Amino acid sequence: MVMMMINSSKYMINFLVLCFLLATLFLSSIESLAKPTYPIEDGQDWGSMQFKIRLIDDLDLELGQELRYNQYGSNFNQSISELGLAYKYQKLKFSIFYRYRYNSDEQDEQDELNFSVNYKPFSKKIILAYRSRFQFRFRDNEENINNFRNKLTLGYKISDYLQPYLASELYYRFMSEDGDRISQARFEVGNNFELTRNIDLELYFMREQEYNRNKPIHSNILGFNLSIRLL
């Protein structure tokens, strides 16, 4: 009789342990489904417009505005306003510009300074360009974001309306509290349309991936940029 009670107790304990393990597994599964798993895949839509005004020979004043939507185009994400100067010397172009960036998701405003150098060794049919940029983003009550960005573009001009290209860009974050590192990469395919002598329209698809972050986001982006020379 005693042995039967002991065996029954063992079976009951094993049964309760099994129920506990199954309940823990079930709750863990529910929790994992409730929380987003990273990296998150997203779709975005970007649209920008840029105005260029010739001040003196080879020196332009550039003004731009860009809007970005994330969550597959359903949520307004960022507004970027830009003002800068661009100076062209032979095959080099030097740019310095200020950006005001507003992030609606985080209710965050950022001031940004950019210094860029573009190099284009060819000028007619072959589209080959290299851009190097230092980007400094200043944030209130948070660590500033400093990026060294390198972009390479390769394409070919078939006609005024058919100028396909491929591009890739790598972000290297420096002067960071968490250590310097590669933080982001972009891969782009697009086409540039010369609508008139002073108006260009660029359509593109971009794959953007984040690295070495706690919550990386990978995005597929459809975008356009309309560039207008006023003077």
Protein backbone atom coordinates (compact mmCIF):
# COMPACT_ATOMS: atom_id res chain seq x y z
CA MET A 1 0.00 0.00 0.00
CA VAL A 2 2.83 2.35 0.97
CA MET A 3 4.71 1.53 -2.26
CA MET A 4 1.60 2.30 -4.30
CA MET A 5 1.25 5.69 -2.61
CA ILE A 6 4.93 6.47 -3.25
CA ASN A 7 4.62 5.49 -6.91
CA SER A 8 1.45 7.55 -7.23
CA SER A 9 3.23 10.53 -5.71
CA LYS A 10 6.11 10.14 -8.16
CA TYR A 11 3.68 10.00 -11.09
CA MET A 12 1.88 13.07 -9.76
CA ILE A 13 5.12 15.00 -9.32
CA ASN A 14 6.28 14.04 -12.82
CA PHE A 15 2.89 15.03 -14.21
CA LEU A 16 3.01 18.42 -12.47
CA VAL A 17 6.58 19.02 -13.67
CA LEU A 18 5.55 18.14 -17.22
CA CYS A 19 2.55 20.50 -16.99
CA PHE A 20 4.79 23.25 -15.66
CA LEU A 21 7.29 22.77 -18.50
CA LEU A 22 4.53 22.75 -21.13
CA ALA A 23 2.96 25.88 -19.62
CA THR A 24 6.35 27.62 -19.58
CA LEU A 25 6.96 26.64 -23.21
CA PHE A 26 3.50 27.87 -24.21
CA LEU A 27 3.88 31.21 -22.44
CA SER A 28 7.35 31.69 -23.93
CA SER A 29 5.94 31.06 -27.40
CA ILE A 30 3.15 33.58 -26.83
CA GLU A 31 5.67 36.15 -25.57
CA SER A 32 7.96 35.61 -28.54
CA LEU A 33 5.04 36.13 -30.90
CA ALA A 34 4.01 39.33 -29.10
CA LYS A 35 7.47 40.87 -29.33
CA PRO A 36 9.02 41.81 -32.70
CA THR A 37 11.98 39.71 -33.71
CA TYR A 38 15.00 41.50 -35.10
CA PRO A 39 16.06 42.26 -37.73
CA ILE A 40 12.63 43.54 -38.76
CA GLU A 41 11.72 43.62 -42.45
CA ASP A 42 10.02 46.82 -43.59
CA GLY A 43 8.96 48.61 -46.76
CA GLN A 44 9.40 52.35 -47.19
CA ASP A 45 8.55 55.13 -49.66
CA TRP A 46 10.86 58.14 -50.05
CA GLY A 47 10.27 61.26 -52.10
CA SER A 48 12.51 64.31 -52.46
CA MET A 49 12.75 67.55 -54.42
CA GLN A 50 15.88 69.61 -54.91
CA PHE A 51 16.39 73.13 -56.30
CA LYS A 52 19.74 74.40 -57.61
CA ILE A 53 20.60 78.07 -58.09
CA ARG A 54 23.85 79.18 -59.75
CA LEU A 55 25.47 81.89 -57.63
CA ILE A 56 28.72 82.37 -59.51
CA ASP A 57 30.74 80.19 -61.89
CA ASP A 58 30.82 76.60 -60.61
CA LEU A 59 29.18 77.51 -57.27
CA ASP A 60 25.56 76.44 -56.61
CA LEU A 61 23.13 77.07 -53.81
CA GLU A 62 21.09 73.91 -53.21
CA LEU A 63 17.80 73.58 -51.33
CA GLY A 64 15.99 70.29 -50.78
CA GLN A 65 13.05 68.67 -49.03
CA GLU A 66 12.48 64.95 -48.47
CA LEU A 67 9.63 62.97 -46.93
CA ARG A 68 9.92 59.35 -45.83
CA TYR A 69 7.18 56.84 -45.00
CA ASN A 70 7.81 53.49 -43.29
CA GLN A 71 5.67 50.48 -42.30
CA TYR A 72 5.09 49.73 -45.97
CA GLY A 73 4.19 53.31 -46.78
CA SER A 74 1.42 53.59 -44.18
CA ASN A 75 3.20 55.74 -41.57
CA PHE A 76 4.88 59.14 -41.93
CA ASN A 77 8.38 58.65 -40.58
CA GLN A 78 10.79 61.51 -41.36
CA SER A 79 11.01 64.98 -42.83
CA ILE A 80 14.41 66.22 -43.99
CA SER A 81 15.03 69.85 -45.01
CA GLU A 82 18.37 70.72 -46.60
CA LEU A 83 20.36 73.85 -47.43
CA GLY A 84 23.90 73.90 -48.76
CA LEU A 85 26.61 74.97 -51.20
CA ALA A 86 28.25 72.90 -53.93
CA TYR A 87 31.43 73.90 -55.74
CA LYS A 88 32.65 72.10 -58.85
CA TYR A 89 36.32 71.98 -59.78
CA GLN A 90 37.10 69.95 -62.89
CA LYS A 91 36.05 66.36 -62.06
CA LEU A 92 35.56 67.06 -58.34
CA LYS A 93 32.54 68.47 -56.53
CA PHE A 94 32.80 69.75 -52.96
CA SER A 95 29.62 70.16 -50.90
CA ILE A 96 28.76 71.46 -47.46
CA PHE A 97 25.16 71.49 -46.31
CA TYR A 98 22.93 71.68 -43.25
CA ARG A 99 19.98 69.36 -42.64
CA TYR A 100 17.07 69.62 -40.26
CA ARG A 101 15.67 66.15 -39.62
CA TYR A 102 12.38 65.44 -37.83
CA ASN A 103 11.54 61.88 -36.81
CA SER A 104 7.81 61.58 -36.09
CA ASP A 105 8.02 58.07 -34.60
CA GLU A 106 10.36 59.24 -31.84
CA GLN A 107 9.20 62.89 -31.71
CA ASP A 108 12.86 63.73 -32.24
CA GLU A 109 14.47 66.75 -33.92
CA GLN A 110 18.05 66.63 -35.17
CA ASP A 111 20.50 69.12 -36.65
CA GLU A 112 22.96 67.71 -39.14
CA LEU A 113 26.13 68.87 -40.90
CA ASN A 114 27.48 67.11 -43.99
CA PHE A 115 30.77 67.49 -45.84
CA SER A 116 31.04 65.65 -49.18
CA VAL A 117 33.48 65.13 -52.04
CA ASN A 118 32.27 63.66 -55.36
CA TYR A 119 34.59 62.38 -58.05
CA LYS A 120 33.40 61.66 -61.62
CA PRO A 121 36.25 60.62 -63.96
CA PHE A 122 33.99 60.33 -67.03
CA SER A 123 31.50 62.81 -68.39
CA LYS A 124 29.54 61.35 -71.35
CA LYS A 125 28.12 57.85 -71.73
CA ILE A 126 29.75 56.10 -68.79
CA ILE A 127 28.32 56.94 -65.36
CA LEU A 128 31.01 56.38 -62.74
CA ALA A 129 31.01 58.34 -59.51
CA TYR A 130 32.53 58.02 -56.04
CA ARG A 131 31.26 60.05 -53.10
CA SER A 132 32.85 60.35 -49.67
CA ARG A 133 30.87 62.08 -46.92
CA PHE A 134 31.32 62.98 -43.26
CA GLN A 135 27.95 63.23 -41.55
CA PHE A 136 27.46 64.71 -38.07
CA ARG A 137 23.99 64.43 -36.50
CA PHE A 138 23.35 66.30 -33.23
CA ARG A 139 20.63 65.04 -30.87
CA ASP A 140 19.30 66.55 -27.63
CA ASN A 141 19.95 64.48 -24.49
CA GLU A 142 21.32 61.59 -26.58
CA GLU A 143 24.60 60.57 -28.10
CA ASN A 144 25.38 62.28 -31.39
CA ILE A 145 25.59 60.15 -34.53
CA ASN A 146 28.71 60.50 -36.70
CA ASN A 147 29.01 58.57 -39.96
CA PHE A 148 31.71 58.25 -42.58
CA ARG A 149 29.81 57.32 -45.75
CA ASN A 150 31.28 55.97 -49.00
CA LYS A 151 29.14 55.54 -52.12
CA LEU A 152 30.05 54.08 -55.51
CA THR A 153 27.77 54.48 -58.56
CA LEU A 154 28.12 52.77 -61.93
CA GLY A 155 25.80 53.25 -64.89
CA TYR A 156 25.47 53.98 -68.59
CA LYS A 157 23.66 56.72 -70.52
CA ILE A 158 21.70 55.14 -73.38
CA SER A 159 19.50 58.20 -74.02
CA ASP A 160 18.14 61.22 -72.17
CA TYR A 161 15.34 59.07 -70.74
CA LEU A 162 17.27 55.85 -70.18
CA GLN A 163 20.24 56.11 -67.84
CA PRO A 164 20.25 52.99 -65.63
CA TYR A 165 22.68 52.70 -62.75
CA LEU A 166 23.75 50.55 -59.80
CA ALA A 167 25.03 51.97 -56.52
CA SER A 168 26.20 50.81 -53.12
CA GLU A 169 26.94 52.79 -49.97
CA LEU A 170 28.58 51.83 -46.69
CA TYR A 171 28.17 53.65 -43.37
CA TYR A 172 30.96 53.59 -40.80
CA ARG A 173 30.01 55.03 -37.41
CA PHE A 174 32.86 56.72 -35.56
CA MET A 175 33.37 58.56 -32.25
CA SER A 176 30.68 56.33 -30.75
CA GLU A 177 30.31 55.36 -27.10
CA ASP A 178 29.72 51.75 -28.19
CA GLY A 179 32.82 51.68 -30.37
CA ASP A 180 33.48 52.46 -34.03
CA ARG A 181 31.82 50.05 -36.43
CA ILE A 182 30.03 49.45 -39.72
CA SER A 183 26.43 50.43 -39.02
CA GLN A 184 24.56 50.37 -42.32
CA ALA A 185 24.72 49.46 -46.01
CA ARG A 186 22.60 50.44 -49.00
CA PHE A 187 22.27 48.74 -52.38
CA GLU A 188 20.46 50.65 -55.10
CA VAL A 189 19.27 50.24 -58.68
CA GLY A 190 17.59 53.07 -60.57
CA ASN A 191 17.23 55.21 -63.65
CA ASN A 192 17.67 58.91 -64.31
CA PHE A 193 15.41 60.76 -66.75
CA GLU A 194 16.54 64.09 -68.25
CA LEU A 195 13.07 65.55 -68.69
CA THR A 196 14.35 68.94 -69.86
CA ARG A 197 17.63 70.76 -69.87
CA ASN A 198 17.08 71.88 -66.27
CA ILE A 199 14.87 69.13 -64.82
CA ASP A 200 15.96 65.59 -63.90
CA LEU A 201 13.83 62.83 -62.40
CA GLU A 202 15.44 59.86 -60.66
CA LEU A 203 13.51 56.69 -59.79
CA TYR A 204 15.13 53.97 -57.70
CA PHE A 205 14.76 50.84 -55.61
CA MET A 206 17.00 50.54 -52.57
CA ARG A 207 17.78 47.76 -50.12
CA GLU A 208 18.89 49.17 -46.76
CA GLN A 209 20.37 46.97 -44.03
CA GLU A 210 21.50 47.88 -40.53
CA TYR A 211 24.37 46.14 -38.71
CA ASN A 212 25.82 46.02 -35.20
CA ARG A 213 22.70 47.49 -33.58
CA ASN A 214 20.41 46.21 -30.83
CA LYS A 215 17.30 46.45 -33.03
CA PRO A 216 18.34 46.43 -36.70
CA ILE A 217 15.80 47.08 -39.45
CA HIS A 218 16.14 45.88 -43.04
CA SER A 219 14.07 47.86 -45.55
CA ASN A 220 13.04 47.72 -49.19
CA ILE A 221 12.64 51.30 -50.40
CA LEU A 222 10.95 52.79 -53.44
CA GLY A 223 11.88 56.40 -54.06
CA PHE A 224 12.16 59.32 -56.41
CA ASN A 225 14.15 62.56 -56.54
CA LEU A 226 13.17 65.55 -58.67
CA SER A 227 16.02 67.99 -59.34
CA ILE A 228 15.29 71.45 -60.78
CA ARG A 229 17.84 74.08 -61.79
CA LEU A 230 16.26 77.49 -61.46
CA LEU A 231 19.11 79.67 -62.71
